[in-house]
Amino acid sequence: MVENGTAVNNPTDAELLASSAEDTEAFRAFFERHYRPVWSFLAWRFGESAADDACAETFATAFRNRERYDHGVADARPWLLGIAVNHARHHARRERKRLGRLACTLSSASADPASISTRAADSPPVYWRWTSATASHCSCSHSRIFLMPR
């Protein structure tokens, strides 16, 4: 890259990660270079709400593990996307478990689905829809819950 007639050093990702231990601006430059592509990939693959958390976790993990990066590879994007996918998968797994626990809690609160308020979660455009399918992964006997638009 040339700026004002003089060449400007455009360091590789490997160089930025290697120098980030001493130079705080190096990781910032690395972050700014890759934030938008990593976030866009996560939003496309897992949705925008998961993308925000997974992207933050991705760069925190990259910062903690920057000394493990293979500095022989100039482009760190594949490494970052691997970290990002792992965080998004963990997020999705935690969310499924949380929703399963919520379903167990709601089913133990009332055996009669008709007694549950249709104003659940205080959201007028959404209501709880019950199905008669029993979840085999849960020790409690309950119906599955789905949030459906009105």
Foldseek 3Di string as FASTA:
>chain_A
DDDPNHDDDDAFLLVLLVCCVPDVVSLVVVCVVCLVVLLVVCCVVPNNVLSVVLSVVLSVVCNVCSVVDDSVDRHCNVVSNVSSVVSSVVVVVVVVVVLVVVQQVVCVVDVDPVPDDQCPPVDVQWGWDWDCDFDPVDPDGGTHIDIDGD
